[in-house]
């Protein structure tokens, strides 16, 4: 097996979203517009409720999937079709916006903390106008591998025989929350045709002998395996991989299509109250 190297380090950019909420963005910035099939990655983290109390009021999406993973705190969400829920710490929400969803997300503290990630995953052109869908998974529904100083929560994909509950048939996304004790070694076979990245949010690690300090985002090079070693205080990171769609990307804010004409149609549909065409199926576990 050939271990993947670090192809590029991206510094997170502070971005104001919603009603004044600050998030730290890596994918979806001038430094990295997209990482096919991934369109955006936001890391939100604060112990000050004034940073996010206004939340993300009603806003539209069309043409892609959002995958939200809560580390601490919880997220109240509601959409214009009557779906609602409360995504709690350790849980994940997979939302296929597809033809159109308008929803709100209101982050809340638990024990003074609110942390998590939101990843945007592109949909192939033939699926962009398909029916929307929600899947929400509690912390207990996400399985974990735990052995020899290595803990891996598996949201998507499979690690050491542990399979996550979320499946994306279009891009075969793998999404792991990896926690390593000091000097522990992590290794995972990764198909060479998958795009992959790592984001370290606790401690530090070395990946293929290159340092990854806390809050560093690394695009990985080609190869068929990933090897990481935790620093002296341990490490925690997300490892995400997916098959590129290799299709044109036309994006305007919360609309991601293949052509400019499709973007103009999405904007007109939103303006004229036609964006939401189907009620999203809502599944919880």
C-alpha atoms as a PDB file:
ATOM      1  CA  UNK A   1       0.000   0.000   0.000  1.00  0.00           C
ATOM      2  CA  UNK A   2       1.140   3.567  -0.710  1.00  0.00           C
ATOM      3  CA  UNK A   3       0.425   6.033   2.087  1.00  0.00           C
ATOM      4  CA  UNK A   4      -1.191   9.317   1.145  1.00  0.00           C
ATOM      5  CA  UNK A   5       0.811  12.479   1.715  1.00  0.00           C
ATOM      6  CA  UNK A   6      -0.371  15.975   2.575  1.00  0.00           C
ATOM      7  CA  UNK A   7      -0.946  17.761  -0.724  1.00  0.00           C
ATOM      8  CA  UNK A   8      -2.081  21.084   0.724  1.00  0.00           C
ATOM      9  CA  UNK A   9      -2.770  22.729   4.079  1.00  0.00           C
ATOM     10  CA  UNK A  10      -5.721  25.132   4.167  1.00  0.00           C
ATOM     11  CA  UNK A  11      -6.108  27.758   6.889  1.00  0.00           C
ATOM     12  CA  UNK A  12      -9.675  28.141   8.149  1.00  0.00           C
ATOM     13  CA  UNK A  13     -11.373  31.443   7.331  1.00  0.00           C
ATOM     14  CA  UNK A  14     -13.804  33.076   9.765  1.00  0.00           C
ATOM     15  CA  UNK A  15     -17.104  33.624   7.907  1.00  0.00           C
ATOM     16  CA  UNK A  16     -20.311  35.234   9.152  1.00  0.00           C
ATOM     17  CA  UNK A  17     -23.418  33.245   8.290  1.00  0.00           C
ATOM     18  CA  UNK A  18     -27.093  33.156   9.246  1.00  0.00           C
ATOM     19  CA  UNK A  19     -28.066  35.940  11.635  1.00  0.00           C
ATOM     20  CA  UNK A  20     -24.474  36.858  12.457  1.00  0.00           C
ATOM     21  CA  UNK A  21     -23.018  33.475  13.428  1.00  0.00           C
ATOM     22  CA  UNK A  22     -19.268  33.028  12.919  1.00  0.00           C
ATOM     23  CA  UNK A  23     -18.091  29.709  11.481  1.00  0.00           C
ATOM     24  CA  UNK A  24     -14.585  28.590  10.487  1.00  0.00           C
ATOM     25  CA  UNK A  25     -14.581  27.512   6.839  1.00  0.00           C
ATOM     26  CA  UNK A  26     -11.965  25.581   4.883  1.00  0.00           C
ATOM     27  CA  UNK A  27     -13.648  24.116   1.790  1.00  0.00           C
ATOM     28  CA  UNK A  28     -15.669  26.852   0.103  1.00  0.00           C
ATOM     29  CA  UNK A  29     -13.116  29.666   0.505  1.00  0.00           C
ATOM     30  CA  UNK A  30     -10.893  31.463  -2.045  1.00  0.00           C
ATOM     31  CA  UNK A  31      -8.088  29.096  -1.029  1.00  0.00           C
ATOM     32  CA  UNK A  32     -10.191  26.006  -1.838  1.00  0.00           C
ATOM     33  CA  UNK A  33     -13.441  26.651  -3.712  1.00  0.00           C
ATOM     34  CA  UNK A  34     -14.378  22.979  -3.682  1.00  0.00           C
ATOM     35  CA  UNK A  35     -12.842  19.549  -3.312  1.00  0.00           C
ATOM     36  CA  UNK A  36     -15.014  17.419  -5.586  1.00  0.00           C
ATOM     37  CA  UNK A  37     -17.442  16.027  -4.415  1.00  0.00           C
ATOM     38  CA  UNK A  38     -17.234  18.302  -1.346  1.00  0.00           C
ATOM     39  CA  UNK A  39     -18.478  21.870  -1.627  1.00  0.00           C
ATOM     40  CA  UNK A  40     -18.041  23.325   1.854  1.00  0.00           C
ATOM     41  CA  UNK A  41     -16.814  22.457   5.340  1.00  0.00           C
ATOM     42  CA  UNK A  42     -17.707  24.620   8.330  1.00  0.00           C
ATOM     43  CA  UNK A  43     -16.384  24.058  11.848  1.00  0.00           C
ATOM     44  CA  UNK A  44     -18.438  25.815  14.510  1.00  0.00           C
ATOM     45  CA  UNK A  45     -17.142  25.977  18.074  1.00  0.00           C
ATOM     46  CA  UNK A  46     -17.856  28.364  20.931  1.00  0.00           C
ATOM     47  CA  UNK A  47     -18.486  28.554  24.661  1.00  0.00           C
ATOM     48  CA  UNK A  48     -20.067  32.014  24.304  1.00  0.00           C
ATOM     49  CA  UNK A  49     -23.797  31.871  23.445  1.00  0.00           C
ATOM     50  CA  UNK A  50     -23.634  35.426  22.077  1.00  0.00           C
ATOM     51  CA  UNK A  51     -21.594  33.975  19.190  1.00  0.00           C
ATOM     52  CA  UNK A  52     -24.472  31.921  17.831  1.00  0.00           C
ATOM     53  CA  UNK A  53     -27.697  32.619  19.731  1.00  0.00           C
ATOM     54  CA  UNK A  54     -29.268  34.214  16.629  1.00  0.00           C
ATOM     55  CA  UNK A  55     -28.658  30.976  14.734  1.00  0.00           C
ATOM     56  CA  UNK A  56     -29.465  30.286  11.107  1.00  0.00           C
ATOM     57  CA  UNK A  57     -33.055  31.426  10.414  1.00  0.00           C
ATOM     58  CA  UNK A  58     -35.028  30.164   7.419  1.00  0.00           C
ATOM     59  CA  UNK A  59     -32.787  29.713   4.388  1.00  0.00           C
ATOM     60  CA  UNK A  60     -33.039  27.696   1.148  1.00  0.00           C
ATOM     61  CA  UNK A  61     -30.957  24.874  -0.343  1.00  0.00           C
ATOM     62  CA  UNK A  62     -31.057  23.157  -3.736  1.00  0.00           C
ATOM     63  CA  UNK A  63     -28.826  20.673  -5.542  1.00  0.00           C
ATOM     64  CA  UNK A  64     -26.707  19.041  -2.812  1.00  0.00           C
ATOM     65  CA  UNK A  65     -26.562  17.239   0.559  1.00  0.00           C
ATOM     66  CA  UNK A  66     -25.724  18.695   3.967  1.00  0.00           C
ATOM     67  CA  UNK A  67     -24.198  16.443   6.630  1.00  0.00           C
ATOM     68  CA  UNK A  68     -24.190  17.987  10.113  1.00  0.00           C
ATOM     69  CA  UNK A  69     -22.291  16.344  12.986  1.00  0.00           C
ATOM     70  CA  UNK A  70     -22.674  17.674  16.525  1.00  0.00           C
ATOM     71  CA  UNK A  71     -19.803  17.241  18.974  1.00  0.00           C
ATOM     72  CA  UNK A  72     -21.212  19.295  21.874  1.00  0.00           C
ATOM     73  CA  UNK A  73     -24.453  21.156  22.420  1.00  0.00           C
ATOM     74  CA  UNK A  74     -27.423  20.563  20.147  1.00  0.00           C
ATOM     75  CA  UNK A  75     -29.130  21.985  17.073  1.00  0.00           C
ATOM     76  CA  UNK A  76     -32.852  22.669  16.739  1.00  0.00           C
ATOM     77  CA  UNK A  77     -34.018  22.453  13.148  1.00  0.00           C
ATOM     78  CA  UNK A  78     -37.316  23.022  11.401  1.00  0.00           C
ATOM     79  CA  UNK A  79     -38.379  23.284   7.779  1.00  0.00           C
ATOM     80  CA  UNK A  80     -41.193  24.830   5.785  1.00  0.00           C
ATOM     81  CA  UNK A  81     -42.805  21.423   5.254  1.00  0.00           C
ATOM     82  CA  UNK A  82     -43.434  20.694   8.931  1.00  0.00           C
ATOM     83  CA  UNK A  83     -40.393  18.535   9.703  1.00  0.00           C
ATOM     84  CA  UNK A  84     -38.571  19.356  12.935  1.00  0.00           C
ATOM     85  CA  UNK A  85     -36.058  17.817  15.301  1.00  0.00           C
ATOM     86  CA  UNK A  86     -33.298  18.353  17.852  1.00  0.00           C
ATOM     87  CA  UNK A  87     -29.867  17.087  16.820  1.00  0.00           C
ATOM     88  CA  UNK A  88     -27.946  16.374  20.040  1.00  0.00           C
ATOM     89  CA  UNK A  89     -24.265  15.844  20.854  1.00  0.00           C
ATOM     90  CA  UNK A  90     -22.778  12.861  19.054  1.00  0.00           C
ATOM     91  CA  UNK A  91     -25.618  12.783  16.528  1.00  0.00           C
ATOM     92  CA  UNK A  92     -25.624  13.411  12.794  1.00  0.00           C
ATOM     93  CA  UNK A  93     -28.155  14.748  10.301  1.00  0.00           C
ATOM     94  CA  UNK A  94     -28.030  13.899   6.595  1.00  0.00           C
ATOM     95  CA  UNK A  95     -30.237  16.231   4.555  1.00  0.00           C
ATOM     96  CA  UNK A  96     -30.656  15.718   0.827  1.00  0.00           C
ATOM     97  CA  UNK A  97     -31.881  19.144  -0.249  1.00  0.00           C
ATOM     98  CA  UNK A  98     -32.119  18.063  -3.902  1.00  0.00           C
ATOM     99  CA  UNK A  99     -35.008  19.942  -5.619  1.00  0.00           C
ATOM    100  CA  UNK A 100     -35.481  22.302  -2.696  1.00  0.00           C
ATOM    101  CA  UNK A 101     -35.722  22.726   1.075  1.00  0.00           C
ATOM    102  CA  UNK A 102     -36.195  25.834   3.218  1.00  0.00           C
ATOM    103  CA  UNK A 103     -35.191  25.267   6.838  1.00  0.00           C
ATOM    104  CA  UNK A 104     -33.776  26.851   9.968  1.00  0.00           C
ATOM    105  CA  UNK A 105     -30.983  25.676  12.295  1.00  0.00           C
ATOM    106  CA  UNK A 106     -30.724  27.093  15.807  1.00  0.00           C
ATOM    107  CA  UNK A 107     -27.600  26.014  17.767  1.00  0.00           C
ATOM    108  CA  UNK A 108     -27.850  25.590  21.541  1.00  0.00           C
ATOM    109  CA  UNK A 109     -25.336  25.111  24.357  1.00  0.00           C
ATOM    110  CA  UNK A 110     -25.044  22.051  26.576  1.00  0.00           C
ATOM    111  CA  UNK A 111     -22.864  22.471  29.694  1.00  0.00           C
ATOM    112  CA  UNK A 112     -21.518  25.694  28.188  1.00  0.00           C
ATOM    113  CA  UNK A 113     -20.353  24.178  24.903  1.00  0.00           C
ATOM    114  CA  UNK A 114     -21.499  24.125  21.283  1.00  0.00           C
ATOM    115  CA  UNK A 115     -19.294  22.409  18.667  1.00  0.00           C
ATOM    116  CA  UNK A 116     -19.720  20.592  15.407  1.00  0.00           C
ATOM    117  CA  UNK A 117     -19.195  20.392  11.656  1.00  0.00           C
ATOM    118  CA  UNK A 118     -21.322  20.880   8.576  1.00  0.00           C
ATOM    119  CA  UNK A 119     -20.203  19.357   5.293  1.00  0.00           C
ATOM    120  CA  UNK A 120     -21.822  20.020   1.912  1.00  0.00           C
ATOM    121  CA  UNK A 121     -21.694  17.080  -0.515  1.00  0.00           C
ATOM    122  CA  UNK A 122     -22.527  17.601  -4.167  1.00  0.00           C
ATOM    123  CA  UNK A 123     -25.238  15.639  -5.984  1.00  0.00           C
ATOM    124  CA  UNK A 124     -24.888  14.424  -9.577  1.00  0.00           C
ATOM    125  CA  UNK A 125     -26.872  16.421 -12.120  1.00  0.00           C
ATOM    126  CA  UNK A 126     -29.474  13.702 -12.549  1.00  0.00           C
ATOM    127  CA  UNK A 127     -30.279  13.865  -8.810  1.00  0.00           C
ATOM    128  CA  UNK A 128     -30.340  17.619  -8.264  1.00  0.00           C
ATOM    129  CA  UNK A 129     -34.094  17.888  -8.866  1.00  0.00           C
ATOM    130  CA  UNK A 130     -35.007  14.630  -7.117  1.00  0.00           C
ATOM    131  CA  UNK A 131     -37.133  14.508  -3.956  1.00  0.00           C
ATOM    132  CA  UNK A 132     -35.553  15.871  -0.750  1.00  0.00           C
ATOM    133  CA  UNK A 133     -34.982  13.622   2.268  1.00  0.00           C
ATOM    134  CA  UNK A 134     -33.794  13.784   5.889  1.00  0.00           C
ATOM    135  CA  UNK A 135     -32.066  11.186   8.003  1.00  0.00           C
ATOM    136  CA  UNK A 136     -31.271  11.969  11.631  1.00  0.00           C
ATOM    137  CA  UNK A 137     -29.169   9.650  13.786  1.00  0.00           C
ATOM    138  CA  UNK A 138     -28.711   9.910  17.555  1.00  0.00           C
ATOM    139  CA  UNK A 139     -25.354   9.335  19.219  1.00  0.00           C
ATOM    140  CA  UNK A 140     -26.336   5.767  20.090  1.00  0.00           C
ATOM    141  CA  UNK A 141     -27.079   4.993  16.430  1.00  0.00           C
ATOM    142  CA  UNK A 142     -23.494   5.787  15.365  1.00  0.00           C
ATOM    143  CA  UNK A 143     -21.220   2.789  16.009  1.00  0.00           C
ATOM    144  CA  UNK A 144     -17.697   3.012  17.386  1.00  0.00           C
ATOM    145  CA  UNK A 145     -14.491   1.018  17.098  1.00  0.00           C
ATOM    146  CA  UNK A 146     -12.467   1.134  20.331  1.00  0.00           C
ATOM    147  CA  UNK A 147      -9.172  -0.738  20.713  1.00  0.00           C
ATOM    148  CA  UNK A 148      -5.540  -0.077  21.703  1.00  0.00           C
ATOM    149  CA  UNK A 149      -5.827   3.685  22.141  1.00  0.00           C
ATOM    150  CA  UNK A 150      -7.845   4.153  18.955  1.00  0.00           C
ATOM    151  CA  UNK A 151     -11.503   5.205  18.981  1.00  0.00           C
ATOM    152  CA  UNK A 152     -13.275   5.702  15.670  1.00  0.00           C
ATOM    153  CA  UNK A 153     -16.899   6.795  15.402  1.00  0.00           C
ATOM    154  CA  UNK A 154     -18.098   5.698  11.969  1.00  0.00           C
ATOM    155  CA  UNK A 155     -20.744   7.978  10.448  1.00  0.00           C
ATOM    156  CA  UNK A 156     -20.284   6.805   6.838  1.00  0.00           C
ATOM    157  CA  UNK A 157     -18.276   3.958   5.387  1.00  0.00           C
ATOM    158  CA  UNK A 158     -16.557   1.120   7.237  1.00  0.00           C
ATOM    159  CA  UNK A 159     -13.577   0.836   9.574  1.00  0.00           C
ATOM    160  CA  UNK A 160     -12.321  -2.501  10.930  1.00  0.00           C
ATOM    161  CA  UNK A 161     -15.688  -4.167  10.329  1.00  0.00           C
ATOM    162  CA  UNK A 162     -17.680  -1.315  11.922  1.00  0.00           C
ATOM    163  CA  UNK A 163     -20.104   0.200   9.416  1.00  0.00           C
ATOM    164  CA  UNK A 164     -21.760   3.604   9.723  1.00  0.00           C
ATOM    165  CA  UNK A 165     -25.515   4.150   9.295  1.00  0.00           C
ATOM    166  CA  UNK A 166     -25.296   6.892   6.625  1.00  0.00           C
ATOM    167  CA  UNK A 167     -24.796   5.846   3.003  1.00  0.00           C
ATOM    168  CA  UNK A 168     -24.350   8.045  -0.055  1.00  0.00           C
ATOM    169  CA  UNK A 169     -24.870   5.915  -3.188  1.00  0.00           C
ATOM    170  CA  UNK A 170     -23.502   8.660  -5.444  1.00  0.00           C
ATOM    171  CA  UNK A 171     -20.095   9.412  -3.927  1.00  0.00           C
ATOM    172  CA  UNK A 172     -19.519   6.542  -1.419  1.00  0.00           C
ATOM    173  CA  UNK A 173     -18.583   9.011   1.314  1.00  0.00           C
ATOM    174  CA  UNK A 174     -16.513   7.825   4.261  1.00  0.00           C
ATOM    175  CA  UNK A 175     -16.695   9.994   7.398  1.00  0.00           C
ATOM    176  CA  UNK A 176     -14.821   9.026  10.575  1.00  0.00           C
ATOM    177  CA  UNK A 177     -14.368  10.840  13.888  1.00  0.00           C
ATOM    178  CA  UNK A 178     -10.956   9.531  14.985  1.00  0.00           C
ATOM    179  CA  UNK A 179      -9.657   9.919  18.550  1.00  0.00           C
ATOM    180  CA  UNK A 180      -6.113   8.746  19.326  1.00  0.00           C
ATOM    181  CA  UNK A 181      -4.350   8.487  22.655  1.00  0.00           C
ATOM    182  CA  UNK A 182      -0.793   9.844  22.872  1.00  0.00           C
ATOM    183  CA  UNK A 183       1.498   8.287  20.202  1.00  0.00           C
ATOM    184  CA  UNK A 184      -1.228   5.888  19.023  1.00  0.00           C
ATOM    185  CA  UNK A 185      -1.041   4.924  15.335  1.00  0.00           C
ATOM    186  CA  UNK A 186      -4.016   4.971  12.965  1.00  0.00           C
ATOM    187  CA  UNK A 187      -4.069   3.235   9.590  1.00  0.00           C
ATOM    188  CA  UNK A 188      -6.888   2.851   7.095  1.00  0.00           C
ATOM    189  CA  UNK A 189      -7.026   1.493   3.554  1.00  0.00           C
ATOM    190  CA  UNK A 190      -8.608   4.087   1.294  1.00  0.00           C
ATOM    191  CA  UNK A 191      -9.493   3.460  -2.365  1.00  0.00           C
ATOM    192  CA  UNK A 192      -7.162   5.424  -4.611  1.00  0.00           C
ATOM    193  CA  UNK A 193     -10.026   7.005  -6.580  1.00  0.00           C
ATOM    194  CA  UNK A 194     -11.495   8.759  -3.523  1.00  0.00           C
ATOM    195  CA  UNK A 195     -10.801  12.419  -2.738  1.00  0.00           C
ATOM    196  CA  UNK A 196      -9.832  12.751   0.933  1.00  0.00           C
ATOM    197  CA  UNK A 197      -9.081  15.279   3.657  1.00  0.00           C
ATOM    198  CA  UNK A 198      -8.284  15.415   7.370  1.00  0.00           C
ATOM    199  CA  UNK A 199      -9.212  18.152   9.848  1.00  0.00           C
ATOM    200  CA  UNK A 200      -7.509  18.074  13.261  1.00  0.00           C
ATOM    201  CA  UNK A 201      -9.594  19.761  15.962  1.00  0.00           C
ATOM    202  CA  UNK A 202      -7.984  18.452  19.167  1.00  0.00           C
ATOM    203  CA  UNK A 203      -4.314  17.829  19.907  1.00  0.00           C
ATOM    204  CA  UNK A 204      -1.904  17.242  17.043  1.00  0.00           C
ATOM    205  CA  UNK A 205      -0.739  14.426  14.797  1.00  0.00           C
ATOM    206  CA  UNK A 206       1.711  13.478  12.083  1.00  0.00           C
ATOM    207  CA  UNK A 207       0.440  12.180   8.765  1.00  0.00           C
ATOM    208  CA  UNK A 208       3.001  10.377   6.619  1.00  0.00           C
ATOM    209  CA  UNK A 209       5.700  12.143   8.696  1.00  0.00           C
ATOM    210  CA  UNK A 210       4.251  15.641   8.100  1.00  0.00           C
ATOM    211  CA  UNK A 211       2.992  17.613  11.137  1.00  0.00           C
ATOM    212  CA  UNK A 212      -0.698  18.397  11.547  1.00  0.00           C
ATOM    213  CA  UNK A 213      -1.214  20.867  14.414  1.00  0.00           C
ATOM    214  CA  UNK A 214      -4.573  21.600  15.981  1.00  0.00           C
ATOM    215  CA  UNK A 215      -7.116  23.301  13.666  1.00  0.00           C
ATOM    216  CA  UNK A 216      -5.271  22.289  10.516  1.00  0.00           C
ATOM    217  CA  UNK A 217      -7.079  21.077   7.393  1.00  0.00           C
ATOM    218  CA  UNK A 218      -5.103  18.859   5.023  1.00  0.00           C
ATOM    219  CA  UNK A 219      -5.994  17.813   1.485  1.00  0.00           C
ATOM    220  CA  UNK A 220      -4.493  14.368   0.918  1.00  0.00           C
ATOM    221  CA  UNK A 221      -2.592  13.278  -2.174  1.00  0.00           C
ATOM    222  CA  UNK A 222      -3.154  10.097  -4.139  1.00  0.00           C
ATOM    223  CA  UNK A 223      -2.503   6.727  -2.572  1.00  0.00           C
ATOM    224  CA  UNK A 224      -4.475   3.813  -1.189  1.00  0.00           C
ATOM    225  CA  UNK A 225      -3.964   4.213   2.574  1.00  0.00           C
ATOM    226  CA  UNK A 226      -3.784   6.835   5.295  1.00  0.00           C
ATOM    227  CA  UNK A 227      -1.336   6.599   8.193  1.00  0.00           C
ATOM    228  CA  UNK A 228      -1.410   8.977  11.174  1.00  0.00           C
ATOM    229  CA  UNK A 229       0.343   9.084  14.548  1.00  0.00           C
ATOM    230  CA  UNK A 230      -0.905  11.151  17.488  1.00  0.00           C
ATOM    231  CA  UNK A 231       1.292  13.656  19.274  1.00  0.00           C
ATOM    232  CA  UNK A 232       2.227  13.554  22.940  1.00  0.00           C
ATOM    233  CA  UNK A 233      -1.188  14.797  24.095  1.00  0.00           C
ATOM    234  CA  UNK A 234      -3.223  12.678  21.700  1.00  0.00           C
ATOM    235  CA  UNK A 235      -5.252  13.809  18.716  1.00  0.00           C
ATOM    236  CA  UNK A 236      -8.784  13.973  17.400  1.00  0.00           C
ATOM    237  CA  UNK A 237      -9.661  14.559  13.770  1.00  0.00           C
ATOM    238  CA  UNK A 238     -12.252  13.901  11.140  1.00  0.00           C
ATOM    239  CA  UNK A 239     -11.236  11.861   8.109  1.00  0.00           C
ATOM    240  CA  UNK A 240     -13.550  12.321   5.133  1.00  0.00           C
ATOM    241  CA  UNK A 241     -13.324  10.777   1.662  1.00  0.00           C
ATOM    242  CA  UNK A 242     -15.622  10.548  -1.349  1.00  0.00           C
ATOM    243  CA  UNK A 243     -15.677   9.724  -5.053  1.00  0.00           C
ATOM    244  CA  UNK A 244     -15.490  12.842  -7.280  1.00  0.00           C
ATOM    245  CA  UNK A 245     -18.464  13.453  -9.569  1.00  0.00           C
ATOM    246  CA  UNK A 246     -16.363  15.221 -12.230  1.00  0.00           C
ATOM    247  CA  UNK A 247     -19.283  17.409 -13.308  1.00  0.00           C
ATOM    248  CA  UNK A 248     -19.472  21.182 -13.854  1.00  0.00           C
ATOM    249  CA  UNK A 249     -20.267  23.141 -10.678  1.00  0.00           C
ATOM    250  CA  UNK A 250     -22.366  26.310 -10.824  1.00  0.00           C
ATOM    251  CA  UNK A 251     -22.938  27.796  -7.374  1.00  0.00           C
ATOM    252  CA  UNK A 252     -24.675  30.852  -6.055  1.00  0.00           C
ATOM    253  CA  UNK A 253     -24.915  30.867  -2.266  1.00  0.00           C
ATOM    254  CA  UNK A 254     -27.192  27.998  -1.182  1.00  0.00           C
ATOM    255  CA  UNK A 255     -27.890  26.778  -4.732  1.00  0.00           C
ATOM    256  CA  UNK A 256     -25.475  24.343  -6.401  1.00  0.00           C
ATOM    257  CA  UNK A 257     -26.319  23.195  -9.925  1.00  0.00           C
ATOM    258  CA  UNK A 258     -24.462  22.324 -13.144  1.00  0.00           C
ATOM    259  CA  UNK A 259     -25.248  25.416 -15.229  1.00  0.00           C
ATOM    260  CA  UNK A 260     -25.853  29.135 -14.789  1.00  0.00           C
ATOM    261  CA  UNK A 261     -29.336  28.753 -16.272  1.00  0.00           C
ATOM    262  CA  UNK A 262     -30.202  26.228 -13.545  1.00  0.00           C
ATOM    263  CA  UNK A 263     -28.993  28.709 -10.913  1.00  0.00           C
ATOM    264  CA  UNK A 264     -31.214  31.429 -12.399  1.00  0.00           C
ATOM    265  CA  UNK A 265     -34.155  28.993 -12.289  1.00  0.00           C
ATOM    266  CA  UNK A 266     -33.461  28.180  -8.626  1.00  0.00           C
ATOM    267  CA  UNK A 267     -33.366  31.892  -7.759  1.00  0.00           C
ATOM    268  CA  UNK A 268     -36.641  32.497  -9.626  1.00  0.00           C
ATOM    269  CA  UNK A 269     -38.273  29.504  -7.936  1.00  0.00           C
ATOM    270  CA  UNK A 270     -37.233  30.790  -4.517  1.00  0.00           C
ATOM    271  CA  UNK A 271     -38.415  34.323  -5.292  1.00  0.00           C
ATOM    272  CA  UNK A 272     -41.784  33.082  -6.548  1.00  0.00           C
ATOM    273  CA  UNK A 273     -42.406  30.524  -3.786  1.00  0.00           C
ATOM    274  CA  UNK A 274     -41.832  27.456  -5.983  1.00  0.00           C
ATOM    275  CA  UNK A 275     -38.543  26.192  -4.514  1.00  0.00           C
ATOM    276  CA  UNK A 276     -40.101  23.547  -2.256  1.00  0.00           C
ATOM    277  CA  UNK A 277     -41.789  21.068  -4.574  1.00  0.00           C
ATOM    278  CA  UNK A 278     -41.882  17.874  -2.484  1.00  0.00           C
ATOM    279  CA  UNK A 279     -42.114  17.257   1.253  1.00  0.00           C
ATOM    280  CA  UNK A 280     -38.934  15.639   2.504  1.00  0.00           C
ATOM    281  CA  UNK A 281     -39.158  12.131   3.916  1.00  0.00           C
ATOM    282  CA  UNK A 282     -37.943  12.260   7.551  1.00  0.00           C
ATOM    283  CA  UNK A 283     -36.217   9.228   9.097  1.00  0.00           C
ATOM    284  CA  UNK A 284     -34.739   9.085  12.604  1.00  0.00           C
ATOM    285  CA  UNK A 285     -32.733   6.414  14.399  1.00  0.00           C
END
